[in-house]
C-alpha cells in the first residue's frame, strides 16, 4: 500500500494528541452474484439471467470488525449462477442470488434467480428478484417468439425474441457510481440461421448465437448472463460471468485495516476501493 501520510510519534497516540479520528465511518459495498449460463441447442437457446445486484452499507464503529466476503461463480451452459454474500457481526447479511439459466427446447424453461433466464418459443422464462429483496436485485427474462428471449439484467428485463427477426437482447445492467462501471447485464437469445442474434446487456452480458456466430460467455467479475446457443452454430450456451464484491471506505480508515483474499486496491480521492473476485475479508 502506498504511503499516504506521515505523522509524528505523539500524534499517533490518541485523539487528545491530534490523531485523525477514523471511527465511526460508513463502509459502502456492492454484491453481485454469478450470472446464469445461456440455454443449449438443439433448438433456440435463450440468454442467461444476470446475477443479483445489491448495494448497501455498514456503520463501522471501531476496530476489530471482521467483514467477510464470498463471490459466486457463473453458471456453465444451461446452469444457474451461484450467490455472492457479505456479512459482519451485528450486521445484516446481504446476499445476491445467482442468475437463472437460459431456457431451451422441450420443457426446459428459463429459471428464476437474481435476474431470470430467457425462454425459447416452447418454454417459459424465469422470474427475477428471486428471492425477493427491496430494492429489487434484478429483472425477469423474456419469452421467445420464436427466436429466443434475452435474460434479465439488473436494471431492465430481457427483450422478447422476434418471429422472422432477431433474438431477444439481454436486459441492461446497473451503473455502480463508485467505480463508474456497469454490472449484471443479461445474456442475449439466439436467432435462427442468419438472423440477428440478441446482444448481451451492458454490464457483461454475453451475445446469443446464430448460424455463423457461437454464443459468448458473460464477462468475468460482472455477473453477466451467458448468450444462448443456436442449433447450427453451437450446441452449448455461453457460461455466466463470475460475480464480484466491492467495498469502499475512507482512505485514512483503510490505513488501519487488514485484508485477506488479495482484493484489488485502488484509490479515488479520499476513498479506497477494494474489489474482491473470490472469498476474503476486511478487518477494520
Protein backbone atom coordinates (compact mmCIF):
# COMPACT_ATOMS: atom_id res chain seq x y z
CA UNK A 1 0.00 0.00 0.00
CA UNK A 2 1.46 3.44 -0.87
CA UNK A 3 2.46 5.80 1.91
CA UNK A 4 -0.49 8.13 2.39
CA UNK A 5 0.82 10.48 5.06
CA UNK A 6 3.35 10.76 7.86
CA UNK A 7 2.75 11.71 11.47
CA UNK A 8 4.95 12.35 14.49
CA UNK A 9 5.03 9.71 17.21
CA UNK A 10 2.96 11.85 19.56
CA UNK A 11 0.13 12.31 17.05
CA UNK A 12 -0.39 8.54 16.77
CA UNK A 13 -1.07 8.07 20.47
CA UNK A 14 -4.69 9.18 20.61
CA UNK A 15 -7.28 11.79 19.78
CA UNK A 16 -6.06 14.06 22.55
CA UNK A 17 -2.70 14.30 20.75
CA UNK A 18 -4.16 15.39 17.40
CA UNK A 19 -4.63 11.98 15.74
CA UNK A 20 -7.12 11.75 12.85
CA UNK A 21 -10.38 10.26 14.07
CA UNK A 22 -11.20 7.29 11.80
CA UNK A 23 -14.24 5.85 13.60
CA UNK A 24 -17.12 5.71 13.06
CA UNK A 25 -17.33 5.53 9.28
CA UNK A 26 -19.59 4.10 6.59
CA UNK A 27 -18.43 1.07 4.63
CA UNK A 28 -20.28 1.01 1.30
CA UNK A 29 -20.49 -2.16 -0.76
CA UNK A 30 -21.77 -3.80 -3.92
CA UNK A 31 -22.62 -7.53 -4.03
CA UNK A 32 -23.08 -9.13 -7.48
CA UNK A 33 -23.76 -12.85 -7.87
CA UNK A 34 -22.64 -15.15 -10.67
CA UNK A 35 -24.60 -14.94 -13.92
CA UNK A 36 -26.67 -17.77 -15.36
CA UNK A 37 -25.48 -19.75 -18.38
CA UNK A 38 -27.23 -19.47 -21.74
CA UNK A 39 -29.52 -22.24 -22.94
CA UNK A 40 -28.21 -25.07 -25.11
CA UNK A 41 -29.16 -26.33 -28.58
CA UNK A 42 -30.55 -28.37 -30.41
CA UNK A 43 -33.06 -25.56 -30.90
CA UNK A 44 -33.13 -21.95 -29.69
CA UNK A 45 -31.10 -21.37 -26.56
CA UNK A 46 -32.19 -18.34 -24.55
CA UNK A 47 -29.99 -15.86 -22.71
CA UNK A 48 -28.95 -16.44 -19.11
CA UNK A 49 -30.08 -14.06 -16.39
CA UNK A 50 -27.61 -11.76 -14.67
CA UNK A 51 -26.53 -12.36 -11.11
CA UNK A 52 -28.38 -10.43 -8.45
CA UNK A 53 -27.16 -6.85 -7.90
CA UNK A 54 -27.40 -5.33 -4.41
CA UNK A 55 -25.85 -2.33 -2.69
CA UNK A 56 -25.85 -1.42 0.99
CA UNK A 57 -23.58 -0.16 3.77
CA UNK A 58 -22.39 -0.97 7.28
CA UNK A 59 -21.63 1.54 10.02
CA UNK A 60 -18.20 0.68 11.41
CA UNK A 61 -17.91 1.98 14.95
CA UNK A 62 -14.49 0.74 15.99
CA UNK A 63 -11.51 -1.51 15.26
CA UNK A 64 -11.67 -5.29 15.02
CA UNK A 65 -14.84 -5.76 12.99
CA UNK A 66 -14.37 -8.62 10.51
CA UNK A 67 -16.32 -8.16 7.27
CA UNK A 68 -16.47 -11.44 5.32
CA UNK A 69 -16.97 -11.64 1.57
CA UNK A 70 -17.77 -14.55 -0.76
CA UNK A 71 -18.14 -14.31 -4.53
CA UNK A 72 -20.35 -16.65 -6.55
CA UNK A 73 -19.29 -18.42 -9.73
CA UNK A 74 -21.09 -18.04 -13.02
CA UNK A 75 -23.12 -20.99 -14.19
CA UNK A 76 -21.94 -23.23 -17.01
CA UNK A 77 -24.05 -23.70 -20.13
CA UNK A 78 -27.71 -24.19 -19.12
CA UNK A 79 -26.77 -23.87 -15.43
CA UNK A 80 -27.78 -21.14 -12.99
CA UNK A 81 -25.17 -18.98 -11.26
CA UNK A 82 -24.16 -19.02 -7.60
CA UNK A 83 -24.85 -16.48 -4.85
CA UNK A 84 -22.47 -13.82 -3.53
CA UNK A 85 -22.59 -12.58 0.06
CA UNK A 86 -21.19 -10.08 2.55
CA UNK A 87 -21.58 -10.31 6.33
CA UNK A 88 -20.27 -8.86 9.59
CA UNK A 89 -21.05 -9.36 13.29
CA UNK A 90 -24.17 -7.50 14.45
CA UNK A 91 -24.95 -6.53 10.85
CA UNK A 92 -27.45 -7.83 8.31
CA UNK A 93 -26.04 -10.42 5.93
CA UNK A 94 -26.53 -9.24 2.34
CA UNK A 95 -26.85 -12.00 -0.29
CA UNK A 96 -27.37 -11.69 -4.02
CA UNK A 97 -28.89 -14.68 -5.83
CA UNK A 98 -27.26 -16.34 -8.83
CA UNK A 99 -28.71 -15.59 -12.25
CA UNK A 100 -31.20 -18.04 -13.70
CA UNK A 101 -30.13 -20.28 -16.58
CA UNK A 102 -31.48 -19.63 -20.07
CA UNK A 103 -34.26 -21.86 -21.37
CA UNK A 104 -34.12 -24.28 -24.27
CA UNK A 105 -36.42 -26.54 -26.26
CA UNK A 106 -38.55 -29.41 -24.93
CA UNK A 107 -39.70 -28.40 -21.50
CA UNK A 108 -36.54 -26.69 -20.26
CA UNK A 109 -37.70 -23.19 -19.29
CA UNK A 110 -35.56 -20.31 -18.17
CA UNK A 111 -35.03 -20.40 -14.43
CA UNK A 112 -35.64 -17.75 -11.75
CA UNK A 113 -32.79 -16.04 -9.96
CA UNK A 114 -31.29 -12.67 -9.17
CA UNK A 115 -32.36 -11.99 -12.74
CA UNK A 116 -34.28 -14.63 -14.67
CA UNK A 117 -33.20 -16.59 -17.72
CA UNK A 118 -34.96 -16.07 -21.04
CA UNK A 119 -37.23 -18.62 -22.71
CA UNK A 120 -37.33 -20.13 -26.19
CA UNK A 121 -40.58 -20.33 -28.17
CA UNK A 122 -41.68 -23.55 -26.46
CA UNK A 123 -40.59 -22.95 -22.88
CA UNK A 124 -41.20 -20.21 -20.34
CA UNK A 125 -38.82 -17.59 -18.99
CA UNK A 126 -37.53 -17.18 -15.44
CA UNK A 127 -38.65 -14.55 -12.97
CA UNK A 128 -36.17 -12.07 -11.50
CA UNK A 129 -35.69 -10.75 -7.96
CA UNK A 130 -35.97 -14.30 -6.63
CA UNK A 131 -35.84 -14.48 -3.67
CA UNK A 132 -37.47 -11.08 -3.28
CA UNK A 133 -35.38 -8.17 -1.99
CA UNK A 134 -36.08 -4.47 -1.61
CA UNK A 135 -34.79 -2.71 -3.63
CA UNK A 136 -35.10 -5.36 -6.32
CA UNK A 137 -31.93 -7.29 -7.17
CA UNK A 138 -32.92 -7.99 -10.77
CA UNK A 139 -35.50 -8.50 -13.51
CA UNK A 140 -37.19 -11.31 -15.45
CA UNK A 141 -36.07 -12.84 -18.69
CA UNK A 142 -38.24 -12.68 -21.81
CA UNK A 143 -40.12 -15.17 -23.96
CA UNK A 144 -39.04 -16.33 -27.40
CA UNK A 145 -41.40 -15.83 -30.34
CA UNK A 146 -39.90 -17.97 -31.92
CA UNK A 147 -36.32 -16.70 -31.70
CA UNK A 148 -35.10 -16.99 -28.13
CA UNK A 149 -35.61 -14.36 -25.44
CA UNK A 150 -32.92 -12.46 -23.59
CA UNK A 151 -32.03 -12.90 -19.94
CA UNK A 152 -32.95 -10.25 -17.39
CA UNK A 153 -30.50 -7.63 -16.15
CA UNK A 154 -30.13 -5.59 -13.00
CA UNK A 155 -31.95 -2.53 -14.36
CA UNK A 156 -34.30 -3.92 -17.05
CA UNK A 157 -35.92 -7.18 -18.25
CA UNK A 158 -34.70 -9.12 -21.24
CA UNK A 159 -36.29 -8.46 -24.65
CA UNK A 160 -38.51 -10.96 -26.45
CA UNK A 161 -37.22 -12.80 -29.49
CA UNK A 162 -38.95 -11.83 -32.72
CA UNK A 163 -40.53 -14.20 -35.23
CA UNK A 164 -38.69 -13.76 -38.52
CA UNK A 165 -36.32 -11.29 -36.83
CA UNK A 166 -33.73 -11.10 -34.12
CA UNK A 167 -33.11 -12.93 -30.90
CA UNK A 168 -34.01 -11.01 -27.77
CA UNK A 169 -31.43 -8.71 -26.23
CA UNK A 170 -30.29 -9.17 -22.65
CA UNK A 171 -31.54 -6.72 -20.06
CA UNK A 172 -29.27 -3.84 -19.11
CA UNK A 173 -27.13 -3.96 -16.01
CA UNK A 174 -26.78 -1.18 -13.46
CA UNK A 175 -24.14 1.52 -13.12
CA UNK A 176 -22.28 1.50 -9.80
CA UNK A 177 -21.30 5.10 -9.26
CA UNK A 178 -18.30 4.40 -7.00
CA UNK A 179 -16.45 2.54 -9.77
CA UNK A 180 -18.25 4.18 -12.74
CA UNK A 181 -18.80 0.71 -14.21
CA UNK A 182 -21.83 -1.37 -15.16
CA UNK A 183 -22.54 -4.81 -13.73
CA UNK A 184 -25.13 -7.59 -14.10
CA UNK A 185 -26.23 -7.44 -17.75
CA UNK A 186 -28.40 -10.25 -19.13
CA UNK A 187 -27.38 -12.65 -21.91
CA UNK A 188 -28.75 -12.38 -25.45
CA UNK A 189 -31.01 -15.01 -27.02
CA UNK A 190 -30.14 -16.97 -30.15
CA UNK A 191 -31.64 -16.45 -33.61
CA UNK A 192 -32.31 -18.90 -36.43
CA UNK A 193 -29.89 -19.22 -39.33
CA UNK A 194 -28.51 -15.82 -40.42
CA UNK A 195 -30.97 -13.70 -38.47
CA UNK A 196 -29.56 -11.28 -35.89
CA UNK A 197 -28.75 -12.81 -32.50
CA UNK A 198 -29.60 -10.99 -29.31
CA UNK A 199 -26.94 -8.71 -27.86
CA UNK A 200 -25.80 -9.06 -24.29
CA UNK A 201 -26.94 -6.30 -21.97
CA UNK A 202 -24.50 -3.61 -20.87
CA UNK A 203 -22.78 -4.84 -17.75
CA UNK A 204 -21.17 -8.01 -19.08
CA UNK A 205 -23.97 -9.95 -20.79
CA UNK A 206 -22.87 -12.44 -23.46
CA UNK A 207 -24.19 -12.39 -27.03
CA UNK A 208 -26.54 -15.01 -28.43
CA UNK A 209 -25.66 -17.25 -31.36
CA UNK A 210 -26.89 -17.52 -34.94
CA UNK A 211 -25.85 -19.74 -37.87
CA UNK A 212 -22.33 -18.29 -38.11
CA UNK A 213 -21.67 -16.99 -34.58
CA UNK A 214 -21.30 -19.02 -31.42
CA UNK A 215 -22.76 -17.89 -28.12
CA UNK A 216 -20.39 -15.87 -25.95
CA UNK A 217 -19.96 -16.02 -22.18
CA UNK A 218 -20.84 -13.35 -19.68
CA UNK A 219 -17.86 -11.21 -18.72
CA UNK A 220 -15.96 -12.41 -15.66
CA UNK A 221 -16.50 -10.45 -12.43
CA UNK A 222 -19.55 -8.60 -13.71
CA UNK A 223 -22.20 -11.26 -13.05
CA UNK A 224 -23.29 -11.07 -16.70
CA UNK A 225 -25.53 -13.80 -18.15
CA UNK A 226 -24.28 -16.05 -20.95
CA UNK A 227 -25.63 -15.95 -24.51
CA UNK A 228 -27.94 -18.67 -25.85
CA UNK A 229 -26.75 -21.34 -28.33
CA UNK A 230 -28.23 -21.89 -31.82
CA UNK A 231 -28.58 -25.35 -33.33
CA UNK A 232 -26.44 -24.73 -36.41
CA UNK A 233 -23.64 -22.75 -34.77
CA UNK A 234 -23.03 -24.30 -31.38
CA UNK A 235 -24.56 -26.86 -29.10
CA UNK A 236 -23.53 -25.12 -25.88
CA UNK A 237 -24.68 -21.82 -24.43
CA UNK A 238 -22.24 -19.26 -23.09
CA UNK A 239 -21.31 -19.59 -19.43
CA UNK A 240 -22.32 -16.89 -16.97
CA UNK A 241 -19.77 -14.39 -15.70
CA UNK A 242 -18.41 -14.78 -12.17
CA UNK A 243 -19.70 -12.27 -9.64
CA UNK A 244 -17.86 -9.58 -7.71
CA UNK A 245 -17.96 -7.80 -4.34
CA UNK A 246 -16.71 -4.23 -4.00
CA UNK A 247 -16.11 -2.44 -0.69
CA UNK A 248 -15.25 1.25 -0.29
CA UNK A 249 -14.19 3.19 2.78
CA UNK A 250 -12.29 6.36 3.72
CA UNK A 251 -8.61 6.04 2.92
CA UNK A 252 -7.47 7.09 6.41
CA UNK A 253 -9.67 4.29 7.82
CA UNK A 254 -8.27 1.76 5.35
CA UNK A 255 -4.79 2.62 6.59
CA UNK A 256 -5.74 0.93 9.90
CA UNK A 257 -7.35 -2.13 8.26
CA UNK A 258 -6.11 -5.52 7.07
CA UNK A 259 -7.42 -7.82 4.36
CA UNK A 260 -7.41 -11.43 3.20
CA UNK A 261 -8.29 -12.77 -0.23
CA UNK A 262 -5.99 -10.39 -2.15
CA UNK A 263 -8.55 -7.79 -3.26
CA UNK A 264 -7.54 -5.27 -5.90
CA UNK A 265 -6.98 -1.96 -4.09
CA UNK A 266 -7.47 1.41 -5.80
CA UNK A 267 -7.82 4.96 -4.53
CA UNK A 268 -10.28 7.55 -5.77
CA UNK A 269 -9.74 10.83 -3.98
CA UNK A 270 -10.35 10.26 -0.26
CA UNK A 271 -11.90 6.81 -0.85
CA UNK A 272 -10.17 3.41 -1.07
CA UNK A 273 -11.93 0.75 -3.14
CA UNK A 274 -11.43 -2.99 -2.57
CA UNK A 275 -12.52 -5.32 -5.38
CA UNK A 276 -12.93 -8.97 -4.41
CA UNK A 277 -13.17 -11.69 -7.06
CA UNK A 278 -13.09 -14.55 -4.56
CA UNK A 279 -13.54 -15.17 -0.88
CA UNK A 280 -11.84 -12.82 1.56
CA UNK A 281 -12.25 -10.42 4.45
CA UNK A 282 -11.64 -6.91 5.72
CA UNK A 283 -10.73 -6.39 9.38
CA UNK A 284 -11.28 -2.81 10.47
